[in-house]
Amino acid sequence: MKVLTVVGARPQFIKAALLTRELRARGVDECLVHTGQHYDANMSDVFFSELRIPQPEHNLGVGSGSHASQTAQMMSKLEPVIRFERPDVVIVYGDTNSTLAGALVAAKLNVPVAHVEAGLRSFDRSMPEEINRLVADRVSALLLAPTVSAAEQLRSEGIEHGVSVVGDLMVDLALAMVRRLAPVPSILERFELGDREYAVATIHRAANTDDIAVFARLVAGLRRSGLRVIFPVHPRTRRLVDLLCVGSYDNVVTCEPLSYLEMLALQAHARVVITDSGGMQKEAITVGTPCVTLRDRTEWNETLEGGWNVLAGSDPAAIAAAALRDRPLRPIAPFGNGRSAALIADAVLSSRLFAEQSHPCAS
């Protein structure tokens, strides 16, 4: 079997680290395609080297742009690659523009699509990621749901065939890697941080970075918490950080994007994680750290159990209050048992069953 895997953004590199290793260990001929959605070395190259992901056979070099232009460029460059490679299955991850482009091109070329993280819904169609999820699920033959609730959501939408509950690759990798962290990781020494004495924050979603007034409220919430906040700055957020002079004189400490292991170590030792990232909501809880989500809704509703994650939106007072709340006591583990890569590989290796079938979506 030949598999073509489409990646393009930080969370997809993390997920591919485990699944690519599993597929290749089973003798699968995998072709890795990097769209270039995240092209900064700190957001791309470092993950390939640190997580030992094979270099992609194709790098499309698309780069940044509006949602329409970026997705269109990806589709235009992906089509000849898929025609040339002639895979049996195309694997896409998550909810980025790379996901959407890979799913649409493969489906139009009648190549079965396997969507890892199928069935997630925030029920907020103003989020570009929600549109990407919905479309990818509708054209996929294999719907690899991370949780039971995600599979149930697919069935409620009339998508029943090809659905498997496989757990979560990001959680599996975090569980494996956190055990390897030093008792006092070097990143803590770099910032002179004590255990559970600081917060780590990330902000990158379009809803939080397209409007400077919204971003300013989020920063006000970080400042109002009074905690020392380590804030690795996403490339799309840098302009706003500079305009508002974030990190120049207060408790918020900005830095360049960090590697996977550095971010995991920061989360594992933080008092709280403050983020608009879906992946970091899961990672924080996996390493036992409460989370504050800078959104009004989340596609990872399981993280809200037991108070581990709080939706604070962009209200500064709500952000600060949530960041300073007492630590939850009851652990939760809703994202599988560490076997996600094996379960996904099992499903992909039987995907020839779907090659001649149309997607059984409700009309």
Protein backbone atom coordinates (compact mmCIF):
# COMPACT_ATOMS: atom_id res chain seq x y z
CA MET A 1 0.00 0.00 0.00
CA LYS A 2 1.11 3.54 -0.75
CA VAL A 3 0.02 6.37 1.53
CA LEU A 4 0.41 10.09 0.90
CA THR A 5 0.39 12.19 4.07
CA VAL A 6 -0.29 15.94 3.96
CA VAL A 7 1.13 18.15 6.73
CA GLY A 8 1.70 21.88 6.94
CA ALA A 9 1.37 23.20 10.50
CA ARG A 10 2.95 22.62 13.91
CA PRO A 11 0.22 20.33 15.36
CA GLN A 12 0.32 18.18 12.22
CA PHE A 13 4.07 17.65 12.53
CA ILE A 14 3.51 16.47 16.11
CA LYS A 15 0.81 14.00 15.06
CA ALA A 16 2.81 12.74 12.09
CA ALA A 17 5.80 12.00 14.33
CA LEU A 18 4.01 8.94 15.73
CA LEU A 19 1.92 7.81 12.79
CA THR A 20 4.68 8.10 10.17
CA ARG A 21 6.91 5.96 12.39
CA GLU A 22 4.15 3.36 12.80
CA LEU A 23 3.28 3.18 9.11
CA ARG A 24 6.87 2.83 7.98
CA ALA A 25 7.58 0.19 10.64
CA ARG A 26 4.80 -1.86 9.02
CA GLY A 27 6.38 -1.56 5.59
CA VAL A 28 3.93 1.02 4.23
CA ASP A 29 5.28 3.15 1.40
CA GLU A 30 4.56 6.64 2.72
CA CYS A 31 5.07 9.86 0.77
CA LEU A 32 5.19 12.90 3.07
CA VAL A 33 4.06 16.24 1.61
CA HIS A 34 4.69 19.54 3.44
CA THR A 35 2.45 22.34 2.13
CA GLY A 36 4.58 25.08 3.68
CA GLN A 37 1.69 26.56 5.69
CA HIS A 38 4.10 26.94 8.62
CA TYR A 39 7.40 27.82 6.96
CA ASP A 40 9.30 29.63 9.74
CA ALA A 41 12.22 27.46 10.94
CA ASN A 42 10.99 27.70 14.54
CA MET A 43 7.54 26.52 13.49
CA SER A 44 8.62 23.80 11.06
CA ASP A 45 12.24 22.66 10.75
CA VAL A 46 12.82 22.28 14.48
CA PHE A 47 9.91 19.84 14.79
CA PHE A 48 11.20 17.61 11.99
CA SER A 49 14.65 17.40 13.58
CA GLU A 50 13.58 17.13 17.22
CA LEU A 51 10.83 14.56 16.63
CA ARG A 52 12.89 12.70 13.99
CA ILE A 53 10.28 13.03 11.28
CA PRO A 54 11.62 12.04 7.85
CA GLN A 55 12.19 14.93 5.49
CA PRO A 56 9.18 15.39 3.16
CA GLU A 57 9.41 14.06 -0.36
CA HIS A 58 7.61 17.19 -1.54
CA ASN A 59 7.65 20.70 -0.03
CA LEU A 60 5.10 22.90 -1.76
CA GLY A 61 6.44 26.13 -0.23
CA VAL A 62 3.04 27.84 -0.20
CA GLY A 63 3.67 30.15 2.77
CA SER A 64 1.21 32.64 4.21
CA GLY A 65 -1.76 34.37 2.60
CA SER A 66 -5.50 34.78 2.93
CA HIS A 67 -7.52 31.63 3.52
CA ALA A 68 -8.72 31.57 -0.08
CA SER A 69 -5.36 32.24 -1.74
CA GLN A 70 -3.43 29.91 0.57
CA THR A 71 -5.88 27.02 0.11
CA ALA A 72 -6.03 27.59 -3.66
CA GLN A 73 -2.24 27.51 -3.98
CA MET A 74 -2.07 24.33 -1.92
CA MET A 75 -4.70 22.64 -4.08
CA SER A 76 -3.01 23.73 -7.31
CA LYS A 77 0.35 22.36 -6.16
CA LEU A 78 -1.02 19.20 -4.53
CA GLU A 79 -2.95 17.97 -7.57
CA PRO A 80 0.09 17.11 -9.75
CA VAL A 81 1.86 15.56 -6.75
CA ILE A 82 -1.05 13.20 -6.04
CA ARG A 83 -1.38 12.37 -9.75
CA PHE A 84 2.34 11.57 -9.90
CA GLU A 85 2.54 9.56 -6.64
CA ARG A 86 -0.72 7.63 -7.24
CA PRO A 87 -1.36 6.78 -3.55
CA ASP A 88 -3.97 4.32 -2.34
CA VAL A 89 -4.93 6.64 0.52
CA VAL A 90 -4.33 10.30 1.41
CA ILE A 91 -4.04 11.09 5.13
CA VAL A 92 -4.93 14.55 6.43
CA TYR A 93 -4.75 15.78 10.02
CA GLY A 94 -6.92 18.14 12.03
CA ASP A 95 -8.50 21.35 10.77
CA THR A 96 -6.01 23.60 8.97
CA ASN A 97 -6.05 24.90 5.40
CA SER A 98 -3.59 22.10 4.60
CA THR A 99 -6.24 19.64 5.81
CA LEU A 100 -8.90 21.17 3.60
CA ALA A 101 -6.68 21.34 0.52
CA GLY A 102 -5.48 17.74 0.88
CA ALA A 103 -8.96 16.38 1.44
CA LEU A 104 -10.54 18.23 -1.49
CA VAL A 105 -7.83 17.42 -4.03
CA ALA A 106 -7.73 13.74 -3.09
CA ALA A 107 -11.50 13.40 -3.15
CA LYS A 108 -11.74 15.04 -6.59
CA LEU A 109 -9.11 12.60 -7.84
CA ASN A 110 -11.11 9.68 -6.40
CA VAL A 111 -8.40 8.79 -3.88
CA PRO A 112 -9.81 7.72 -0.48
CA VAL A 113 -9.19 10.28 2.28
CA ALA A 114 -8.38 9.31 5.87
CA HIS A 115 -9.12 12.20 8.25
CA VAL A 116 -7.30 12.01 11.58
CA GLU A 117 -9.29 13.94 14.26
CA ALA A 118 -12.62 13.53 12.51
CA GLY A 119 -15.87 14.49 14.20
CA LEU A 120 -14.69 17.46 16.25
CA ARG A 121 -17.06 20.41 16.38
CA SER A 122 -16.96 23.80 18.09
CA PHE A 123 -20.35 24.66 16.50
CA ASP A 124 -18.94 28.08 15.63
CA ARG A 125 -18.82 28.53 11.86
CA SER A 126 -17.13 31.90 12.20
CA MET A 127 -13.96 29.88 12.90
CA PRO A 128 -12.18 28.91 9.65
CA GLU A 129 -11.11 25.69 11.35
CA GLU A 130 -14.73 24.64 11.81
CA ILE A 131 -15.39 24.93 8.09
CA ASN A 132 -12.27 22.92 7.34
CA ARG A 133 -13.39 20.13 9.72
CA LEU A 134 -16.87 19.94 8.28
CA VAL A 135 -15.70 19.74 4.67
CA ALA A 136 -12.90 17.25 5.39
CA ASP A 137 -15.32 14.93 7.19
CA ARG A 138 -17.82 15.09 4.34
CA VAL A 139 -15.35 13.94 1.70
CA SER A 140 -13.42 11.37 3.78
CA ALA A 141 -13.77 7.61 3.49
CA LEU A 142 -11.99 6.92 6.78
CA LEU A 143 -13.07 9.05 9.72
CA LEU A 144 -10.60 8.52 12.55
CA ALA A 145 -12.28 10.03 15.61
CA PRO A 146 -10.18 10.76 18.72
CA THR A 147 -13.08 10.25 21.17
CA VAL A 148 -16.40 8.49 21.49
CA SER A 149 -18.22 11.83 21.47
CA ALA A 150 -16.56 12.77 18.16
CA ALA A 151 -17.75 9.50 16.62
CA GLU A 152 -21.26 10.11 17.95
CA GLN A 153 -21.22 13.58 16.40
CA LEU A 154 -20.43 12.09 13.00
CA ARG A 155 -23.29 9.62 13.31
CA SER A 156 -25.65 12.45 14.29
CA GLU A 157 -24.73 14.09 10.98
CA GLY A 158 -25.51 10.91 9.03
CA ILE A 159 -21.89 9.76 8.63
CA GLU A 160 -21.74 6.18 9.88
CA HIS A 161 -19.48 4.13 7.58
CA GLY A 162 -15.72 4.25 7.98
CA VAL A 163 -15.85 5.74 11.49
CA SER A 164 -13.34 4.46 14.06
CA VAL A 165 -12.51 5.69 17.56
CA VAL A 166 -8.70 5.68 17.71
CA GLY A 167 -7.66 8.03 20.52
CA ASP A 168 -5.41 11.06 20.15
CA LEU A 169 -1.90 11.14 18.67
CA MET A 170 -0.89 14.41 20.35
CA VAL A 171 -1.81 13.04 23.75
CA ASP A 172 0.05 9.80 23.09
CA LEU A 173 3.22 11.70 22.15
CA ALA A 174 2.93 14.01 25.17
CA LEU A 175 2.54 11.03 27.50
CA ALA A 176 5.62 9.37 26.03
CA MET A 177 7.81 12.48 25.95
CA VAL A 178 6.94 14.01 29.34
CA ARG A 179 8.47 10.97 31.03
CA ARG A 180 11.78 11.81 29.35
CA LEU A 181 11.98 15.40 30.58
CA ALA A 182 14.73 16.27 33.04
CA PRO A 183 13.60 17.03 36.63
CA VAL A 184 14.53 20.68 36.00
CA PRO A 185 14.41 21.20 32.22
CA SER A 186 16.87 23.69 30.74
CA ILE A 187 14.04 25.91 29.50
CA LEU A 188 13.10 26.63 33.14
CA GLU A 189 16.68 27.58 33.91
CA ARG A 190 16.77 29.81 30.83
CA PHE A 191 13.84 31.89 32.08
CA GLU A 192 14.71 31.44 35.80
CA LEU A 193 11.36 29.79 36.53
CA GLY A 194 10.27 27.88 39.62
CA ASP A 195 7.93 24.89 39.52
CA ARG A 196 4.23 26.00 39.34
CA GLU A 197 5.21 29.66 39.73
CA TYR A 198 4.42 30.95 36.24
CA ALA A 199 2.00 30.72 33.30
CA VAL A 200 2.70 29.85 29.67
CA ALA A 201 0.57 31.50 26.98
CA THR A 202 0.07 31.23 23.22
CA ILE A 203 -2.21 33.27 20.95
CA HIS A 204 -2.49 32.64 17.22
CA ARG A 205 -6.12 32.08 16.11
CA ALA A 206 -7.45 34.48 13.50
CA ALA A 207 -10.32 35.58 15.74
CA ASN A 208 -7.77 36.74 18.33
CA THR A 209 -5.15 38.24 16.03
CA ASP A 210 -7.09 39.86 13.18
CA ASP A 211 -8.49 42.57 15.50
CA ILE A 212 -5.98 44.52 17.59
CA ALA A 213 -8.68 45.46 20.12
CA VAL A 214 -9.39 41.78 20.82
CA PHE A 215 -5.69 41.01 21.11
CA ALA A 216 -5.23 43.96 23.49
CA ARG A 217 -7.93 42.55 25.79
CA LEU A 218 -6.19 39.18 25.85
CA VAL A 219 -2.89 40.81 26.77
CA ALA A 220 -4.67 42.82 29.47
CA GLY A 221 -5.91 39.53 30.93
CA LEU A 222 -2.36 38.13 30.99
CA ARG A 223 -1.13 41.27 32.73
CA ARG A 224 -3.99 41.34 35.21
CA SER A 225 -3.22 37.81 36.39
CA GLY A 226 -0.06 39.08 38.06
CA LEU A 227 1.70 35.83 37.16
CA ARG A 228 4.93 35.80 35.26
CA VAL A 229 3.73 34.77 31.79
CA ILE A 230 6.06 33.17 29.24
CA PHE A 231 4.61 34.04 25.83
CA PRO A 232 6.23 32.41 22.76
CA VAL A 233 5.08 34.59 19.88
CA HIS A 234 3.60 33.00 16.75
CA PRO A 235 4.81 34.71 13.53
CA ARG A 236 1.31 35.95 12.72
CA THR A 237 1.14 37.58 16.18
CA ARG A 238 4.50 39.38 16.11
CA ARG A 239 3.19 42.62 14.58
CA LEU A 240 0.56 43.01 17.30
CA VAL A 241 3.08 42.26 20.05
CA ASP A 242 5.36 44.98 18.71
CA LEU A 243 2.53 47.50 18.35
CA LEU A 244 1.40 47.01 21.95
CA CYS A 245 4.94 46.77 23.34
CA VAL A 246 4.09 43.45 24.96
CA GLY A 247 6.86 42.04 27.13
CA SER A 248 8.87 45.22 27.33
CA TYR A 249 8.08 46.32 30.85
CA ASP A 250 5.66 44.04 32.68
CA ASN A 251 5.01 40.46 33.83
CA VAL A 252 4.60 39.15 30.28
CA VAL A 253 7.86 37.75 28.85
CA THR A 254 7.86 37.29 25.07
CA CYS A 255 10.18 35.02 23.10
CA GLU A 256 10.47 33.34 19.72
CA PRO A 257 8.49 30.11 19.09
CA LEU A 258 9.91 27.20 21.07
CA SER A 259 10.53 23.58 20.15
CA TYR A 260 8.10 20.79 21.02
CA LEU A 261 10.08 19.55 24.03
CA GLU A 262 10.62 23.08 25.34
CA MET A 263 6.90 23.84 25.16
CA LEU A 264 6.00 20.51 26.76
CA ALA A 265 8.42 21.18 29.62
CA LEU A 266 7.00 24.67 30.16
CA GLN A 267 3.46 23.27 30.27
CA ALA A 268 4.41 20.43 32.62
CA HIS A 269 5.85 22.80 35.24
CA ALA A 270 3.47 25.77 34.83
CA ARG A 271 0.78 26.83 37.24
CA VAL A 272 -1.56 27.32 34.28
CA VAL A 273 -1.57 27.23 30.47
CA ILE A 274 -3.38 30.12 28.75
CA THR A 275 -4.01 29.50 25.05
CA ASP A 276 -6.33 29.58 22.05
CA SER A 277 -4.73 26.40 20.67
CA GLY A 278 -6.74 23.19 20.48
CA GLY A 279 -3.67 21.02 20.82
CA MET A 280 -2.34 22.79 23.89
CA GLN A 281 -5.66 22.35 25.69
CA LYS A 282 -5.06 18.60 25.48
CA GLU A 283 -1.34 18.76 26.18
CA ALA A 284 -1.82 20.83 29.32
CA ILE A 285 -4.28 18.39 30.82
CA THR A 286 -2.15 15.42 29.77
CA VAL A 287 0.79 16.77 31.78
CA GLY A 288 -1.45 17.70 34.72
CA THR A 289 -1.68 21.48 34.31
CA PRO A 290 -4.96 23.46 34.30
CA CYS A 291 -5.82 25.40 31.16
CA VAL A 292 -7.55 28.68 30.33
CA THR A 293 -8.82 28.82 26.75
CA LEU A 294 -9.02 32.22 25.08
CA ARG A 295 -12.15 31.32 23.15
CA ASP A 296 -15.87 31.13 23.82
CA ARG A 297 -16.14 27.55 22.54
CA THR A 298 -13.89 24.55 22.15
CA GLU A 299 -13.97 21.47 19.95
CA TRP A 300 -12.33 19.56 22.83
CA ASN A 301 -15.24 19.60 25.26
CA GLU A 302 -13.78 16.68 27.22
CA THR A 303 -11.12 19.07 28.55
CA LEU A 304 -13.80 20.99 30.44
CA GLU A 305 -14.48 18.03 32.75
CA GLY A 306 -13.51 18.52 36.37
CA GLY A 307 -12.62 22.17 35.83
CA TRP A 308 -9.35 21.38 34.05
CA ASN A 309 -10.13 23.79 31.24
CA VAL A 310 -12.07 27.07 31.47
CA LEU A 311 -13.40 29.06 28.51
CA ALA A 312 -12.56 32.71 29.24
CA GLY A 313 -13.13 34.34 25.85
CA SER A 314 -11.42 37.72 25.58
CA ASP A 315 -12.61 39.25 28.86
CA PRO A 316 -9.52 40.38 30.86
CA ALA A 317 -11.18 39.85 34.25
CA ALA A 318 -12.36 36.35 33.32
CA ILE A 319 -8.91 35.44 32.00
CA ALA A 320 -7.16 36.60 35.17
CA ALA A 321 -9.68 34.93 37.48
CA ALA A 322 -9.46 31.63 35.63
CA ALA A 323 -5.65 31.75 35.63
CA LEU A 324 -5.58 32.18 39.42
CA ARG A 325 -8.21 29.60 40.30
CA ASP A 326 -7.45 26.61 42.52
CA ARG A 327 -5.90 23.60 40.86
CA PRO A 328 -8.31 20.73 40.00
CA LEU A 329 -7.82 17.52 41.95
CA ARG A 330 -9.58 14.82 39.92
CA PRO A 331 -7.50 13.61 36.94
CA ILE A 332 -9.18 12.87 33.62
CA ALA A 333 -7.98 10.81 30.64
CA PRO A 334 -10.54 10.98 27.82
CA PHE A 335 -8.20 10.66 24.86
CA GLY A 336 -7.24 7.00 24.57
CA ASN A 337 -4.67 4.63 26.01
CA GLY A 338 -1.49 5.36 24.07
CA ARG A 339 -2.29 3.11 21.08
CA SER A 340 -3.59 5.72 18.64
CA ALA A 341 -0.89 5.26 16.00
CA ALA A 342 -1.43 1.49 15.92
CA LEU A 343 -5.21 1.84 15.69
CA ILE A 344 -4.97 4.42 12.91
CA ALA A 345 -2.50 2.25 10.99
CA ASP A 346 -4.88 -0.71 11.31
CA ALA A 347 -7.68 1.36 9.80
CA VAL A 348 -5.55 2.79 7.01
CA LEU A 349 -4.22 -0.62 6.00
CA SER A 350 -7.79 -1.80 5.38
CA SER A 351 -8.82 1.37 3.54
CA ARG A 352 -8.90 -0.31 0.13
CA LEU A 353 -12.40 -1.34 1.20
CA PHE A 354 -13.49 2.26 0.63
CA ALA A 355 -11.85 2.89 -2.73
CA GLU A 356 -14.94 2.20 -4.82
CA GLN A 357 -17.54 3.61 -2.42
CA SER A 358 -19.08 7.04 -2.37
CA HIS A 359 -19.17 8.79 0.96
CA PRO A 360 -22.39 7.84 2.84
CA CYS A 361 -23.22 11.38 3.96
CA ALA A 362 -26.68 12.59 4.76
CA SER A 363 -28.02 14.96 2.15
